[in-house]
Amino acid sequence: MNDPHGDAGAAIFTASHDGACDDAALLGRIGQGDEDAMAAFYREHGRVVLGQVLLVVGERVLAEEIVQDTMLAVWHGAGSFRGESSVRSWVIAIARRQTRDRLRGHRLRVVDDTYLADQPSSGPGPEVTALDRAELAEVTGAIRELAPPHRELLGLVFGSGLSLPDVAGVLEIPVGTVKSRLTAARTALGRVLNEKGQNR
């Protein structure tokens, strides 16, 4: 399978972030029209946001356009940040809204609750074993074969450096629902990895 995501897609499990205070200060400066602060904000968050959007839309050009729209929204809306969530979850939530707006009316949906509700909950099985034994590159490739809701959730939980409460805030669902959907997504991921292992 060709990799449409490039370096950003490969980095979905490598994001880390420790500059919460600096981020809030950057947003304060951006709110005052500081272009240097905006550039620094883009360097800090642009790659992670791009990787997350790519997981959902699967097209690099479209994902880059959505990231640009997201950063424009940050430029105009920095003053609205109230510190009720982490800056990273705030900007990813903006990116998610931008993605939803772009995809509205298209076949692809960011979150399909009907699809998620229909996924069976299963205990440990060959899928879990396959996931435990998989290498990072295999996991990254397998994620790209999942349905968009699973890709989005796994990217948020493992790729964006967000806490489960932050993920719940981005998705606008309870933390308990995040946990149950994460179990379903991990099972689906393990299934793909197991199938790949059997086909070798």
C-alpha atoms as a PDB file:
ATOM      1  CA  MET A   1       0.000   0.000   0.000  1.00  0.00           C
ATOM      2  CA  ASN A   2       1.369   3.376  -0.968  1.00  0.00           C
ATOM      3  CA  ASP A   3       1.905   5.854   1.836  1.00  0.00           C
ATOM      4  CA  PRO A   4      -0.142   8.985   1.047  1.00  0.00           C
ATOM      5  CA  HIS A   5       0.771  10.579   4.322  1.00  0.00           C
ATOM      6  CA  GLY A   6       4.516  11.103   4.102  1.00  0.00           C
ATOM      7  CA  ASP A   7       6.500  12.043   7.194  1.00  0.00           C
ATOM      8  CA  ALA A   8       3.539  13.459   9.092  1.00  0.00           C
ATOM      9  CA  GLY A   9       1.665  10.168   8.901  1.00  0.00           C
ATOM     10  CA  ALA A  10       4.707   8.232  10.052  1.00  0.00           C
ATOM     11  CA  ALA A  11       4.980  10.469  13.079  1.00  0.00           C
ATOM     12  CA  ILE A  12       1.528   9.823  14.530  1.00  0.00           C
ATOM     13  CA  PHE A  13       2.970   7.979  17.516  1.00  0.00           C
ATOM     14  CA  THR A  14       5.924  10.288  18.150  1.00  0.00           C
ATOM     15  CA  ALA A  15       4.243  13.523  19.246  1.00  0.00           C
ATOM     16  CA  SER A  16       5.154  14.926  22.619  1.00  0.00           C
ATOM     17  CA  HIS A  17       4.476  18.296  24.097  1.00  0.00           C
ATOM     18  CA  ASP A  18       5.597  19.985  27.285  1.00  0.00           C
ATOM     19  CA  GLY A  19       5.196  23.719  26.603  1.00  0.00           C
ATOM     20  CA  ALA A  20       1.676  24.418  27.848  1.00  0.00           C
ATOM     21  CA  CYS A  21       2.655  27.713  29.521  1.00  0.00           C
ATOM     22  CA  ASP A  22       4.585  28.852  26.477  1.00  0.00           C
ATOM     23  CA  ASP A  23       1.602  27.976  24.267  1.00  0.00           C
ATOM     24  CA  ALA A  24      -0.736  30.139  26.305  1.00  0.00           C
ATOM     25  CA  ALA A  25       1.760  32.999  26.094  1.00  0.00           C
ATOM     26  CA  LEU A  26       2.023  32.490  22.334  1.00  0.00           C
ATOM     27  CA  LEU A  27      -1.746  32.691  21.995  1.00  0.00           C
ATOM     28  CA  GLY A  28      -1.750  35.896  23.996  1.00  0.00           C
ATOM     29  CA  ARG A  29       0.801  37.399  21.604  1.00  0.00           C
ATOM     30  CA  ILE A  30      -1.079  36.074  18.568  1.00  0.00           C
ATOM     31  CA  GLY A  31      -4.210  37.750  19.893  1.00  0.00           C
ATOM     32  CA  GLN A  32      -2.279  41.025  19.788  1.00  0.00           C
ATOM     33  CA  GLY A  33      -1.311  40.457  16.141  1.00  0.00           C
ATOM     34  CA  ASP A  34       2.233  39.116  16.679  1.00  0.00           C
ATOM     35  CA  GLU A  35       3.187  37.331  13.455  1.00  0.00           C
ATOM     36  CA  ASP A  36       6.380  35.888  14.967  1.00  0.00           C
ATOM     37  CA  ALA A  37       4.276  34.228  17.662  1.00  0.00           C
ATOM     38  CA  MET A  38       2.004  32.799  14.984  1.00  0.00           C
ATOM     39  CA  ALA A  39       5.009  31.358  13.155  1.00  0.00           C
ATOM     40  CA  ALA A  40       6.270  29.809  16.400  1.00  0.00           C
ATOM     41  CA  PHE A  41       2.817  28.372  17.098  1.00  0.00           C
ATOM     42  CA  TYR A  42       2.740  26.824  13.633  1.00  0.00           C
ATOM     43  CA  ARG A  43       6.168  25.241  14.155  1.00  0.00           C
ATOM     44  CA  GLU A  44       5.047  23.827  17.489  1.00  0.00           C
ATOM     45  CA  HIS A  45       1.689  22.407  16.443  1.00  0.00           C
ATOM     46  CA  GLY A  46       1.478  22.323  12.647  1.00  0.00           C
ATOM     47  CA  ARG A  47       3.071  18.908  12.146  1.00  0.00           C
ATOM     48  CA  VAL A  48       0.904  17.188  14.754  1.00  0.00           C
ATOM     49  CA  VAL A  49      -2.269  18.811  13.437  1.00  0.00           C
ATOM     50  CA  LEU A  50      -1.346  17.819   9.876  1.00  0.00           C
ATOM     51  CA  GLY A  51      -0.739  14.219  10.947  1.00  0.00           C
ATOM     52  CA  GLN A  52      -4.108  14.081  12.692  1.00  0.00           C
ATOM     53  CA  VAL A  53      -5.997  15.579   9.746  1.00  0.00           C
ATOM     54  CA  LEU A  54      -4.223  13.232   7.337  1.00  0.00           C
ATOM     55  CA  LEU A  55      -5.460  10.247   9.317  1.00  0.00           C
ATOM     56  CA  VAL A  56      -9.009  11.416   8.749  1.00  0.00           C
ATOM     57  CA  VAL A  57      -8.999  12.704   5.166  1.00  0.00           C
ATOM     58  CA  GLY A  58      -6.226  10.589   3.634  1.00  0.00           C
ATOM     59  CA  GLU A  59      -5.271  13.249   1.068  1.00  0.00           C
ATOM     60  CA  ARG A  60      -2.202  15.361   1.712  1.00  0.00           C
ATOM     61  CA  VAL A  61      -3.209  18.395  -0.365  1.00  0.00           C
ATOM     62  CA  LEU A  62      -6.632  18.560   1.287  1.00  0.00           C
ATOM     63  CA  ALA A  63      -5.080  18.029   4.723  1.00  0.00           C
ATOM     64  CA  GLU A  64      -2.601  20.859   4.177  1.00  0.00           C
ATOM     65  CA  GLU A  65      -5.447  23.164   3.130  1.00  0.00           C
ATOM     66  CA  ILE A  66      -7.360  22.256   6.290  1.00  0.00           C
ATOM     67  CA  VAL A  67      -4.289  22.959   8.419  1.00  0.00           C
ATOM     68  CA  GLN A  68      -3.938  26.362   6.765  1.00  0.00           C
ATOM     69  CA  ASP A  69      -7.608  27.074   7.480  1.00  0.00           C
ATOM     70  CA  THR A  70      -7.039  25.950  11.063  1.00  0.00           C
ATOM     71  CA  MET A  71      -4.074  28.249  11.564  1.00  0.00           C
ATOM     72  CA  LEU A  72      -6.022  31.146  10.061  1.00  0.00           C
ATOM     73  CA  ALA A  73      -8.776  30.420  12.579  1.00  0.00           C
ATOM     74  CA  VAL A  74      -6.162  30.428  15.359  1.00  0.00           C
ATOM     75  CA  TRP A  75      -4.877  33.799  14.124  1.00  0.00           C
ATOM     76  CA  HIS A  76      -8.370  35.274  14.258  1.00  0.00           C
ATOM     77  CA  GLY A  77      -9.547  33.452  17.382  1.00  0.00           C
ATOM     78  CA  ALA A  78      -6.509  33.371  19.683  1.00  0.00           C
ATOM     79  CA  GLY A  79      -8.151  35.868  21.994  1.00  0.00           C
ATOM     80  CA  SER A  80     -11.053  33.474  22.588  1.00  0.00           C
ATOM     81  CA  PHE A  81      -8.851  30.858  24.285  1.00  0.00           C
ATOM     82  CA  ARG A  82      -9.869  30.691  27.951  1.00  0.00           C
ATOM     83  CA  GLY A  83      -7.528  27.967  29.204  1.00  0.00           C
ATOM     84  CA  GLU A  84     -10.312  25.473  29.833  1.00  0.00           C
ATOM     85  CA  SER A  85      -8.384  22.829  27.887  1.00  0.00           C
ATOM     86  CA  SER A  86      -4.819  22.379  26.730  1.00  0.00           C
ATOM     87  CA  VAL A  87      -3.777  24.559  23.809  1.00  0.00           C
ATOM     88  CA  ARG A  88      -3.054  21.465  21.737  1.00  0.00           C
ATOM     89  CA  SER A  89      -6.524  20.010  22.269  1.00  0.00           C
ATOM     90  CA  TRP A  90      -7.972  23.457  21.482  1.00  0.00           C
ATOM     91  CA  VAL A  91      -6.190  23.704  18.141  1.00  0.00           C
ATOM     92  CA  ILE A  92      -6.973  20.082  17.245  1.00  0.00           C
ATOM     93  CA  ALA A  93     -10.640  20.739  18.002  1.00  0.00           C
ATOM     94  CA  ILE A  94     -10.482  23.680  15.599  1.00  0.00           C
ATOM     95  CA  ALA A  95      -8.875  21.428  12.977  1.00  0.00           C
ATOM     96  CA  ARG A  96     -11.612  18.864  13.510  1.00  0.00           C
ATOM     97  CA  ARG A  97     -14.313  21.484  12.913  1.00  0.00           C
ATOM     98  CA  GLN A  98     -12.490  22.696   9.813  1.00  0.00           C
ATOM     99  CA  THR A  99     -12.285  19.104   8.566  1.00  0.00           C
ATOM    100  CA  ARG A 100     -15.968  18.507   9.214  1.00  0.00           C
ATOM    101  CA  ASP A 101     -16.867  21.691   7.339  1.00  0.00           C
ATOM    102  CA  ARG A 102     -14.736  20.660   4.368  1.00  0.00           C
ATOM    103  CA  LEU A 103     -16.186  17.153   4.256  1.00  0.00           C
ATOM    104  CA  ARG A 104     -19.805  18.095   4.830  1.00  0.00           C
ATOM    105  CA  GLY A 105     -21.866  16.645   2.018  1.00  0.00           C
ATOM    106  CA  HIS A 106     -19.141  14.194   1.047  1.00  0.00           C
ATOM    107  CA  ARG A 107     -19.273  10.460   1.598  1.00  0.00           C
ATOM    108  CA  LEU A 108     -16.468  10.567   4.176  1.00  0.00           C
ATOM    109  CA  ARG A 109     -17.531  11.502   7.675  1.00  0.00           C
ATOM    110  CA  VAL A 110     -15.257  12.426  10.532  1.00  0.00           C
ATOM    111  CA  VAL A 111     -17.199  10.450  13.121  1.00  0.00           C
ATOM    112  CA  ASP A 112     -19.904   7.929  12.331  1.00  0.00           C
ATOM    113  CA  ASP A 113     -21.625   7.035  15.603  1.00  0.00           C
ATOM    114  CA  THR A 114     -23.739   4.362  13.923  1.00  0.00           C
ATOM    115  CA  TYR A 115     -20.618   2.608  12.696  1.00  0.00           C
ATOM    116  CA  LEU A 116     -18.974   2.814  16.107  1.00  0.00           C
ATOM    117  CA  ALA A 117     -22.077   1.533  17.892  1.00  0.00           C
ATOM    118  CA  ASP A 118     -22.210  -1.516  15.622  1.00  0.00           C
ATOM    119  CA  GLN A 119     -18.672  -2.623  16.446  1.00  0.00           C
ATOM    120  CA  PRO A 120     -18.654  -5.693  18.681  1.00  0.00           C
ATOM    121  CA  SER A 121     -16.791  -5.583  21.957  1.00  0.00           C
ATOM    122  CA  SER A 122     -14.536  -8.603  22.278  1.00  0.00           C
ATOM    123  CA  GLY A 123     -12.124  -9.877  24.876  1.00  0.00           C
ATOM    124  CA  PRO A 124      -8.480 -10.696  24.321  1.00  0.00           C
ATOM    125  CA  GLY A 125      -7.940 -12.732  21.190  1.00  0.00           C
ATOM    126  CA  PRO A 126      -5.572 -13.039  18.227  1.00  0.00           C
ATOM    127  CA  GLU A 127      -6.092  -9.332  17.466  1.00  0.00           C
ATOM    128  CA  VAL A 128      -4.623  -8.327  20.834  1.00  0.00           C
ATOM    129  CA  THR A 129      -1.685 -10.691  20.365  1.00  0.00           C
ATOM    130  CA  ALA A 130      -0.993  -9.255  16.898  1.00  0.00           C
ATOM    131  CA  LEU A 131      -1.100  -5.709  18.255  1.00  0.00           C
ATOM    132  CA  ASP A 132       1.279  -6.532  21.102  1.00  0.00           C
ATOM    133  CA  ARG A 133       3.823  -8.049  18.704  1.00  0.00           C
ATOM    134  CA  ALA A 134       3.608  -5.457  15.942  1.00  0.00           C
ATOM    135  CA  GLU A 135       6.385  -3.036  15.068  1.00  0.00           C
ATOM    136  CA  LEU A 136       5.699   0.708  14.933  1.00  0.00           C
ATOM    137  CA  ALA A 137       5.821   0.854  11.121  1.00  0.00           C
ATOM    138  CA  GLU A 138       3.336  -2.013  10.896  1.00  0.00           C
ATOM    139  CA  VAL A 139       0.964  -0.334  13.333  1.00  0.00           C
ATOM    140  CA  THR A 140       1.183   2.980  11.472  1.00  0.00           C
ATOM    141  CA  GLY A 141       0.413   1.279   8.156  1.00  0.00           C
ATOM    142  CA  ALA A 142      -2.447  -0.722   9.640  1.00  0.00           C
ATOM    143  CA  ILE A 143      -4.066   2.378  11.148  1.00  0.00           C
ATOM    144  CA  ARG A 144      -4.376   3.844   7.667  1.00  0.00           C
ATOM    145  CA  GLU A 145      -6.523   0.882   6.647  1.00  0.00           C
ATOM    146  CA  LEU A 146      -9.069   1.430   9.409  1.00  0.00           C
ATOM    147  CA  ALA A 147     -12.357   3.289   9.091  1.00  0.00           C
ATOM    148  CA  PRO A 148     -12.058   7.075   9.596  1.00  0.00           C
ATOM    149  CA  PRO A 149     -13.572   7.079  13.121  1.00  0.00           C
ATOM    150  CA  HIS A 150     -10.997   4.573  14.352  1.00  0.00           C
ATOM    151  CA  ARG A 151      -8.137   6.408  12.611  1.00  0.00           C
ATOM    152  CA  GLU A 152      -9.193   9.680  14.167  1.00  0.00           C
ATOM    153  CA  LEU A 153      -9.497   8.279  17.689  1.00  0.00           C
ATOM    154  CA  LEU A 154      -6.184   6.407  17.615  1.00  0.00           C
ATOM    155  CA  GLY A 155      -4.458   9.495  16.264  1.00  0.00           C
ATOM    156  CA  LEU A 156      -5.881  11.644  19.041  1.00  0.00           C
ATOM    157  CA  VAL A 157      -5.053   9.186  21.816  1.00  0.00           C
ATOM    158  CA  PHE A 158      -1.606   8.055  20.696  1.00  0.00           C
ATOM    159  CA  GLY A 159      -0.391  10.611  18.185  1.00  0.00           C
ATOM    160  CA  SER A 160      -1.369  14.008  19.502  1.00  0.00           C
ATOM    161  CA  GLY A 161      -0.131  13.758  23.062  1.00  0.00           C
ATOM    162  CA  LEU A 162      -3.594  14.472  24.484  1.00  0.00           C
ATOM    163  CA  SER A 163      -4.995  13.126  27.737  1.00  0.00           C
ATOM    164  CA  LEU A 164      -8.226  11.116  27.610  1.00  0.00           C
ATOM    165  CA  PRO A 165     -10.193  14.076  29.054  1.00  0.00           C
ATOM    166  CA  ASP A 166      -8.730  16.285  26.304  1.00  0.00           C
ATOM    167  CA  VAL A 167      -9.685  13.698  23.668  1.00  0.00           C
ATOM    168  CA  ALA A 168     -13.184  13.621  25.139  1.00  0.00           C
ATOM    169  CA  GLY A 169     -13.306  17.410  24.848  1.00  0.00           C
ATOM    170  CA  VAL A 170     -12.194  17.366  21.218  1.00  0.00           C
ATOM    171  CA  LEU A 171     -14.744  14.693  20.298  1.00  0.00           C
ATOM    172  CA  GLU A 172     -17.433  16.199  22.565  1.00  0.00           C
ATOM    173  CA  ILE A 173     -18.189  12.853  24.227  1.00  0.00           C
ATOM    174  CA  PRO A 174     -17.737  11.497  27.777  1.00  0.00           C
ATOM    175  CA  VAL A 175     -14.393  10.012  28.816  1.00  0.00           C
ATOM    176  CA  GLY A 176     -16.088   6.632  29.326  1.00  0.00           C
ATOM    177  CA  THR A 177     -17.207   6.674  25.704  1.00  0.00           C
ATOM    178  CA  VAL A 178     -13.662   7.477  24.601  1.00  0.00           C
ATOM    179  CA  LYS A 179     -12.447   4.407  26.501  1.00  0.00           C
ATOM    180  CA  SER A 180     -15.047   2.079  24.990  1.00  0.00           C
ATOM    181  CA  ARG A 181     -14.412   3.398  21.474  1.00  0.00           C
ATOM    182  CA  LEU A 182     -10.684   3.039  22.042  1.00  0.00           C
ATOM    183  CA  THR A 183     -11.179  -0.622  22.912  1.00  0.00           C
ATOM    184  CA  ALA A 184     -13.117  -1.119  19.670  1.00  0.00           C
ATOM    185  CA  ALA A 185     -10.474   0.754  17.658  1.00  0.00           C
ATOM    186  CA  ARG A 186      -7.637  -1.290  19.172  1.00  0.00           C
ATOM    187  CA  THR A 187      -9.540  -4.490  18.378  1.00  0.00           C
ATOM    188  CA  ALA A 188     -10.045  -3.375  14.775  1.00  0.00           C
ATOM    189  CA  LEU A 189      -6.371  -2.447  14.514  1.00  0.00           C
ATOM    190  CA  GLY A 190      -5.317  -5.799  15.931  1.00  0.00           C
ATOM    191  CA  ARG A 191      -7.564  -7.542  13.427  1.00  0.00           C
ATOM    192  CA  VAL A 192      -5.850  -5.789  10.516  1.00  0.00           C
ATOM    193  CA  LEU A 193      -2.414  -6.666  11.905  1.00  0.00           C
ATOM    194  CA  ASN A 194      -3.455 -10.275  12.453  1.00  0.00           C
ATOM    195  CA  GLU A 195      -4.696 -10.547   8.875  1.00  0.00           C
ATOM    196  CA  LYS A 196      -1.479  -9.062   7.563  1.00  0.00           C
ATOM    197  CA  GLY A 197       0.517 -11.586   9.594  1.00  0.00           C
ATOM    198  CA  GLN A 198      -1.480 -14.481   8.186  1.00  0.00           C
ATOM    199  CA  ASN A 199      -0.941 -13.280   4.620  1.00  0.00           C
ATOM    200  CA  ARG A 200       2.842 -13.207   4.854  1.00  0.00           C
END
